[in-house]
Amino acid sequence: RNVLRLSCITMERCVFFVRIDVMGVGFDNLTKSEFTARAESMLHNGERGYVVTPNAEIVYESIHDDGFRALLNDASMVLPDGAGVVLGAKILGTRIKEKVAGIEFGEEVCRVLAKNNGRLYLLGSKPGIAKAAGEKLAQKYPGLVICGEADGYFKDEKEVIEKINAAKPDVLF
């Protein structure tokens, strides 16, 4: 059930690639630099979407939850985050170019944002962690704008969504 997809980095540079099925989850068969270029293109073109980074355990969980599997498969980009995914694809007879860890991809996105004074909003974890992470990221990537943060222990989802929208981030982690 592998699916041919098209990704355009620029109007002059489009690439066809295959979304490779590993136990019901389709992984985009791109290198880290190709994923980064795709993210940069999405940002440049104002495209909306979301990126997921499933590892083998997440794939296993998705076997038992159709809604979760659909959430993974509907993502703009599905990165193979783990050697287990790459090995699983190989066992199933398909080659994935390389493992692309979510943290490494996140670092690349921060680098891309920093080049253009891009805005990043951090959501999740315990109180104070997102703020501390934002300070470190802003220091590591001059030009990156941390436009807001919120911990993951909120009761009112609507209020958090309003704060995120008011901050006008280019990317939400």
C-alpha atoms as a PDB file:
ATOM      1  CA  ARG A   1       0.000   0.000   0.000  1.00  0.00           C
ATOM      2  CA  ASN A   2       2.908   2.352  -0.689  1.00  0.00           C
ATOM      3  CA  VAL A   3       1.762   5.684  -2.126  1.00  0.00           C
ATOM      4  CA  LEU A   4       3.618   7.921  -4.582  1.00  0.00           C
ATOM      5  CA  ARG A   5       3.706  11.553  -3.414  1.00  0.00           C
ATOM      6  CA  LEU A   6       5.019  14.829  -4.810  1.00  0.00           C
ATOM      7  CA  SER A   7       6.839  17.461  -2.795  1.00  0.00           C
ATOM      8  CA  CYS A   8       7.908  20.779  -4.285  1.00  0.00           C
ATOM      9  CA  ILE A   9      10.746  22.587  -2.579  1.00  0.00           C
ATOM     10  CA  THR A  10      10.479  25.395  -5.129  1.00  0.00           C
ATOM     11  CA  MET A  11       8.567  25.612  -8.383  1.00  0.00           C
ATOM     12  CA  GLU A  12      11.750  24.523 -10.168  1.00  0.00           C
ATOM     13  CA  ARG A  13      12.609  21.699  -7.757  1.00  0.00           C
ATOM     14  CA  CYS A  14       9.931  19.086  -7.196  1.00  0.00           C
ATOM     15  CA  VAL A  15      10.624  15.587  -6.034  1.00  0.00           C
ATOM     16  CA  PHE A  16       8.533  12.440  -6.195  1.00  0.00           C
ATOM     17  CA  PHE A  17       8.824  10.115  -3.235  1.00  0.00           C
ATOM     18  CA  VAL A  18       7.043   7.132  -1.828  1.00  0.00           C
ATOM     19  CA  ARG A  19       5.138   7.017   1.433  1.00  0.00           C
ATOM     20  CA  ILE A  20       6.147   3.577   2.681  1.00  0.00           C
ATOM     21  CA  ASP A  21       3.663   1.461   4.611  1.00  0.00           C
ATOM     22  CA  VAL A  22       5.008  -0.094   7.794  1.00  0.00           C
ATOM     23  CA  MET A  23       2.215  -1.999   9.538  1.00  0.00           C
ATOM     24  CA  GLY A  24      -0.435   0.499   8.461  1.00  0.00           C
ATOM     25  CA  VAL A  25       1.527   3.723   9.016  1.00  0.00           C
ATOM     26  CA  GLY A  26       2.841   5.495   5.918  1.00  0.00           C
ATOM     27  CA  PHE A  27       6.350   6.925   6.351  1.00  0.00           C
ATOM     28  CA  ASP A  28       7.692   9.531   3.944  1.00  0.00           C
ATOM     29  CA  ASN A  29      10.867   8.178   2.378  1.00  0.00           C
ATOM     30  CA  LEU A  30      13.003  11.297   2.565  1.00  0.00           C
ATOM     31  CA  THR A  31      16.379  12.136   4.079  1.00  0.00           C
ATOM     32  CA  LYS A  32      16.703  14.620   6.934  1.00  0.00           C
ATOM     33  CA  SER A  33      17.818  17.319   4.507  1.00  0.00           C
ATOM     34  CA  GLU A  34      14.831  16.584   2.246  1.00  0.00           C
ATOM     35  CA  PHE A  35      12.432  16.781   5.211  1.00  0.00           C
ATOM     36  CA  THR A  36      14.051  20.065   6.223  1.00  0.00           C
ATOM     37  CA  ALA A  37      13.699  21.468   2.701  1.00  0.00           C
ATOM     38  CA  ARG A  38      10.043  20.394   2.673  1.00  0.00           C
ATOM     39  CA  ALA A  39       9.454  22.157   6.011  1.00  0.00           C
ATOM     40  CA  GLU A  40      11.191  25.286   4.723  1.00  0.00           C
ATOM     41  CA  SER A  41       8.992  25.213   1.629  1.00  0.00           C
ATOM     42  CA  MET A  42       5.853  24.830   3.744  1.00  0.00           C
ATOM     43  CA  LEU A  43       6.885  27.797   5.896  1.00  0.00           C
ATOM     44  CA  HIS A  44       7.794  29.912   2.878  1.00  0.00           C
ATOM     45  CA  ASN A  45       4.462  29.150   1.177  1.00  0.00           C
ATOM     46  CA  GLY A  46       2.371  29.580   4.318  1.00  0.00           C
ATOM     47  CA  GLU A  47       1.167  25.983   4.166  1.00  0.00           C
ATOM     48  CA  ARG A  48      -0.529  24.605   7.249  1.00  0.00           C
ATOM     49  CA  GLY A  49       0.007  21.076   8.401  1.00  0.00           C
ATOM     50  CA  TYR A  50       1.474  18.927  11.079  1.00  0.00           C
ATOM     51  CA  VAL A  51       4.436  16.610  11.363  1.00  0.00           C
ATOM     52  CA  VAL A  52       4.579  13.347  13.291  1.00  0.00           C
ATOM     53  CA  THR A  53       7.631  11.321  14.253  1.00  0.00           C
ATOM     54  CA  PRO A  54       6.465   7.794  15.058  1.00  0.00           C
ATOM     55  CA  ASN A  55       8.833   5.148  16.338  1.00  0.00           C
ATOM     56  CA  ALA A  56       8.161   1.398  16.416  1.00  0.00           C
ATOM     57  CA  GLU A  57       6.212   1.618  19.690  1.00  0.00           C
ATOM     58  CA  ILE A  58       3.897   4.260  18.245  1.00  0.00           C
ATOM     59  CA  VAL A  59       3.354   2.125  15.141  1.00  0.00           C
ATOM     60  CA  TYR A  60       2.468  -0.791  17.398  1.00  0.00           C
ATOM     61  CA  GLU A  61      -0.035   1.354  19.343  1.00  0.00           C
ATOM     62  CA  SER A  62      -1.634   2.495  16.093  1.00  0.00           C
ATOM     63  CA  ILE A  63      -2.419  -1.108  15.143  1.00  0.00           C
ATOM     64  CA  HIS A  64      -5.057  -1.144  17.887  1.00  0.00           C
ATOM     65  CA  ASP A  65      -6.461   2.351  17.363  1.00  0.00           C
ATOM     66  CA  ASP A  66      -7.860   3.277  13.943  1.00  0.00           C
ATOM     67  CA  GLY A  67      -8.285   6.943  14.890  1.00  0.00           C
ATOM     68  CA  PHE A  68      -4.703   7.243  16.079  1.00  0.00           C
ATOM     69  CA  ARG A  69      -3.424   5.534  12.914  1.00  0.00           C
ATOM     70  CA  ALA A  70      -5.496   7.935  10.783  1.00  0.00           C
ATOM     71  CA  LEU A  71      -4.012  10.887  12.697  1.00  0.00           C
ATOM     72  CA  LEU A  72      -0.519   9.635  11.872  1.00  0.00           C
ATOM     73  CA  ASN A  73      -1.303   8.942   8.222  1.00  0.00           C
ATOM     74  CA  ASP A  74      -3.031  12.300   7.671  1.00  0.00           C
ATOM     75  CA  ALA A  75       0.081  14.257   8.721  1.00  0.00           C
ATOM     76  CA  SER A  76       1.834  16.507   6.216  1.00  0.00           C
ATOM     77  CA  MET A  77       5.062  14.673   6.995  1.00  0.00           C
ATOM     78  CA  VAL A  78       5.641  11.333   8.698  1.00  0.00           C
ATOM     79  CA  LEU A  79       9.261  10.938   9.805  1.00  0.00           C
ATOM     80  CA  PRO A  80      10.709   7.486  10.578  1.00  0.00           C
ATOM     81  CA  ASP A  81      11.903   8.185  14.121  1.00  0.00           C
ATOM     82  CA  GLY A  82      13.712   5.057  15.135  1.00  0.00           C
ATOM     83  CA  ALA A  83      15.863   2.211  13.924  1.00  0.00           C
ATOM     84  CA  GLY A  84      12.926  -0.141  14.557  1.00  0.00           C
ATOM     85  CA  VAL A  85      10.888   1.568  11.849  1.00  0.00           C
ATOM     86  CA  VAL A  86      13.759   1.394   9.345  1.00  0.00           C
ATOM     87  CA  LEU A  87      14.378  -2.260  10.200  1.00  0.00           C
ATOM     88  CA  GLY A  88      10.644  -3.039  10.058  1.00  0.00           C
ATOM     89  CA  ALA A  89      10.430  -1.570   6.554  1.00  0.00           C
ATOM     90  CA  LYS A  90      13.444  -3.625   5.490  1.00  0.00           C
ATOM     91  CA  ILE A  91      11.908  -6.816   6.884  1.00  0.00           C
ATOM     92  CA  LEU A  92       8.714  -6.007   4.969  1.00  0.00           C
ATOM     93  CA  GLY A  93      10.773  -5.661   1.776  1.00  0.00           C
ATOM     94  CA  THR A  94      11.043  -1.874   1.436  1.00  0.00           C
ATOM     95  CA  ARG A  95      13.992   0.415   2.108  1.00  0.00           C
ATOM     96  CA  ILE A  96      13.638   3.670   4.043  1.00  0.00           C
ATOM     97  CA  LYS A  97      16.462   6.098   3.179  1.00  0.00           C
ATOM     98  CA  GLU A  98      17.336   6.931   6.786  1.00  0.00           C
ATOM     99  CA  LYS A  99      16.075   7.279  10.318  1.00  0.00           C
ATOM    100  CA  VAL A 100      15.125  10.888  11.041  1.00  0.00           C
ATOM    101  CA  ALA A 101      14.822  11.582  14.745  1.00  0.00           C
ATOM    102  CA  GLY A 102      12.161  14.109  15.692  1.00  0.00           C
ATOM    103  CA  ILE A 103      14.589  16.035  17.901  1.00  0.00           C
ATOM    104  CA  GLU A 104      17.046  16.403  15.013  1.00  0.00           C
ATOM    105  CA  PHE A 105      14.279  17.556  12.693  1.00  0.00           C
ATOM    106  CA  GLY A 106      13.107  20.029  15.359  1.00  0.00           C
ATOM    107  CA  GLU A 107      16.618  21.473  15.538  1.00  0.00           C
ATOM    108  CA  GLU A 108      16.626  21.901  11.756  1.00  0.00           C
ATOM    109  CA  VAL A 109      13.251  23.661  11.897  1.00  0.00           C
ATOM    110  CA  CYS A 110      14.645  26.038  14.540  1.00  0.00           C
ATOM    111  CA  ARG A 111      17.641  26.751  12.296  1.00  0.00           C
ATOM    112  CA  VAL A 112      15.298  27.512   9.369  1.00  0.00           C
ATOM    113  CA  LEU A 113      13.105  29.752  11.528  1.00  0.00           C
ATOM    114  CA  ALA A 114      16.138  31.628  12.864  1.00  0.00           C
ATOM    115  CA  LYS A 115      17.235  32.563   9.322  1.00  0.00           C
ATOM    116  CA  ASN A 116      13.981  34.480   8.850  1.00  0.00           C
ATOM    117  CA  ASN A 117      13.176  35.659  12.398  1.00  0.00           C
ATOM    118  CA  GLY A 118      10.521  32.951  12.482  1.00  0.00           C
ATOM    119  CA  ARG A 119       8.177  32.559  15.414  1.00  0.00           C
ATOM    120  CA  LEU A 120       8.033  29.412  17.559  1.00  0.00           C
ATOM    121  CA  TYR A 121       5.492  28.587  20.267  1.00  0.00           C
ATOM    122  CA  LEU A 122       6.335  25.852  22.792  1.00  0.00           C
ATOM    123  CA  LEU A 123       3.521  23.818  24.350  1.00  0.00           C
ATOM    124  CA  GLY A 124       3.775  20.986  26.842  1.00  0.00           C
ATOM    125  CA  SER A 125       5.713  19.451  29.705  1.00  0.00           C
ATOM    126  CA  LYS A 126       5.776  20.551  33.329  1.00  0.00           C
ATOM    127  CA  PRO A 127       5.457  24.221  34.353  1.00  0.00           C
ATOM    128  CA  GLY A 128       8.646  26.143  33.575  1.00  0.00           C
ATOM    129  CA  ILE A 129      10.153  23.586  31.193  1.00  0.00           C
ATOM    130  CA  ALA A 130       8.865  25.170  27.965  1.00  0.00           C
ATOM    131  CA  LYS A 131      10.083  28.591  29.131  1.00  0.00           C
ATOM    132  CA  ALA A 132      13.560  27.230  29.938  1.00  0.00           C
ATOM    133  CA  ALA A 133      13.686  25.364  26.618  1.00  0.00           C
ATOM    134  CA  GLY A 134      12.664  28.533  24.781  1.00  0.00           C
ATOM    135  CA  GLU A 135      15.458  30.519  26.418  1.00  0.00           C
ATOM    136  CA  LYS A 136      18.024  27.884  25.402  1.00  0.00           C
ATOM    137  CA  LEU A 137      16.684  27.669  21.847  1.00  0.00           C
ATOM    138  CA  ALA A 138      16.693  31.467  21.444  1.00  0.00           C
ATOM    139  CA  GLN A 139      20.285  31.537  22.663  1.00  0.00           C
ATOM    140  CA  LYS A 140      21.353  28.695  20.365  1.00  0.00           C
ATOM    141  CA  TYR A 141      19.513  30.090  17.308  1.00  0.00           C
ATOM    142  CA  PRO A 142      19.866  33.890  17.143  1.00  0.00           C
ATOM    143  CA  GLY A 143      16.967  35.247  15.124  1.00  0.00           C
ATOM    144  CA  LEU A 144      14.520  32.640  16.416  1.00  0.00           C
ATOM    145  CA  VAL A 145      11.593  34.351  18.108  1.00  0.00           C
ATOM    146  CA  ILE A 146       9.991  32.429  20.967  1.00  0.00           C
ATOM    147  CA  CYS A 147       6.550  33.986  20.765  1.00  0.00           C
ATOM    148  CA  GLY A 148       5.014  32.054  23.642  1.00  0.00           C
ATOM    149  CA  GLU A 149       4.961  28.976  25.770  1.00  0.00           C
ATOM    150  CA  ALA A 150       2.532  27.039  27.918  1.00  0.00           C
ATOM    151  CA  ASP A 151       2.894  23.941  30.065  1.00  0.00           C
ATOM    152  CA  GLY A 152       0.889  20.837  29.327  1.00  0.00           C
ATOM    153  CA  TYR A 153      -1.126  20.959  32.548  1.00  0.00           C
ATOM    154  CA  PHE A 154      -3.973  23.169  31.395  1.00  0.00           C
ATOM    155  CA  LYS A 155      -7.649  22.663  32.134  1.00  0.00           C
ATOM    156  CA  ASP A 156      -9.133  25.032  29.550  1.00  0.00           C
ATOM    157  CA  GLU A 157      -8.131  23.951  26.038  1.00  0.00           C
ATOM    158  CA  LYS A 158      -9.948  26.908  24.472  1.00  0.00           C
ATOM    159  CA  GLU A 159      -7.884  29.430  26.455  1.00  0.00           C
ATOM    160  CA  VAL A 160      -4.612  27.823  25.379  1.00  0.00           C
ATOM    161  CA  ILE A 161      -5.709  27.752  21.734  1.00  0.00           C
ATOM    162  CA  GLU A 162      -6.596  31.458  21.939  1.00  0.00           C
ATOM    163  CA  LYS A 163      -3.150  32.245  23.401  1.00  0.00           C
ATOM    164  CA  ILE A 164      -1.415  30.285  20.670  1.00  0.00           C
ATOM    165  CA  ASN A 165      -3.439  31.970  17.918  1.00  0.00           C
ATOM    166  CA  ALA A 166      -2.837  35.423  19.432  1.00  0.00           C
ATOM    167  CA  ALA A 167       0.931  34.758  19.451  1.00  0.00           C
ATOM    168  CA  LYS A 168       0.836  34.079  15.668  1.00  0.00           C
ATOM    169  CA  PRO A 169       3.536  31.402  15.603  1.00  0.00           C
ATOM    170  CA  ASP A 170       4.976  30.066  12.383  1.00  0.00           C
ATOM    171  CA  VAL A 171       5.540  26.737  14.146  1.00  0.00           C
ATOM    172  CA  LEU A 172       4.107  25.085  17.248  1.00  0.00           C
ATOM    173  CA  PHE A 173       6.150  22.460  19.099  1.00  0.00           C
END
